[in-house]
Amino acid sequence: MTAPVHPLLFGSMWLTVTALVFLLPLLPALRELYSRSDADALAIDPLDNGRTDYTAQRMAQWQHDDQGRLMVPRGQSRLMARTEVPVVIGFRSQLRSLVSSDVVELQANSVVQRVLHAKSIHCLGPAQLARLTSAERHIVLSPGARFLRLSAACIFTWPLKRSLQFPLPELGTGMPLTTLQRRHEGDLRIPAGTIVRGGLVVTGNLLMEEMSVVVGHIKVHGNAVLAQSACVQGAVFVQGDLQTKGNNYVEGPLCAGKRLQLGPDSQVGDKDCPSSVSAWTIALHASVRVYGSMAAVRSGQVVL
């Protein structure tokens, strides 16, 4: 027959087991507390004094060129600024937001992330425009420039041309308010040089051949192609892809459910009739003019 366990020894054992149960989960925290493996403190910008004049002090370090323009230093990043003088965003500079009452120029590989607004905006290289970019007068896009939403009195792509000629003989001015909508089942091909008066609803694909003109609004359930010098005096809505081959004119809004491509020497809208261009992705060629706004859901770019 075994002897009974001493009460003091029994209590010590239970106390030890209880302490282990509660202290073992704390061992990693205790080891981290007494170890010296923590990272060093981050360096603080000497101009960051916690007051609202931080941006002004940062901008005070920017230099002016011989034309009095404010030069954003190379590599500048994560800054929101507002100024009333012309601004040049230097090579590979990054700004969060910029508002200027004058002209803003973006050099190659410069980036504005969120908001960009100015009197006029000029891209001098493949720059990345802000998600919301607007100008009171015009926006000039160079090859390689990328954008999402643009708004201005006129949006150009290089090279600029004084005037563009379109085959709209004696059609009058202003967007027509058509009441007749002709529905065409399947694909539709409009022969070269044909003038179609009235709106169209095409359940298939649409092909407008060279020098053809539609006076009215167009809705296409498939894809649409506007050949060289084909014009539409009205709005165009396409559920699929929309491609213009060049020297095309669309007076009303231009919308594509997928990809939209504006060929060289094309124009959307007019000074007296601002319009809009929207699609999932937008590709612009040389000498394109858009009077109004542009919106790309995924990406917009000026291609060579």
Foldseek 3Di string as FASTA:
>chain_A
DDDDDDPVVVVVVVVVVVCCVVCVVCVVVVVVVPDDPDDDDDDDDPLPPPDPCSLVVVQVPFDADPVRETEDDAQAEAGADEEAGEYEDDDLHEYAEYHYAAEYEYEANYEHEAYYEYQEYEYNYQYEYYQHYEHAAEYEAEANHKYFKYWYQKYWYPPADPDADALDPPPDDDQDDAPDEDEDEEEDEADACAEAEGHYEYAYEYEYEHNYEYRYEYEYAAEYEYEHRYEYRHEYEYAAEYEYAESYEYAEEYEYAAEYEYHANYEYHDSVRAYEYEYQEYEYEHTYMHRTMYGHNHMYGYHD
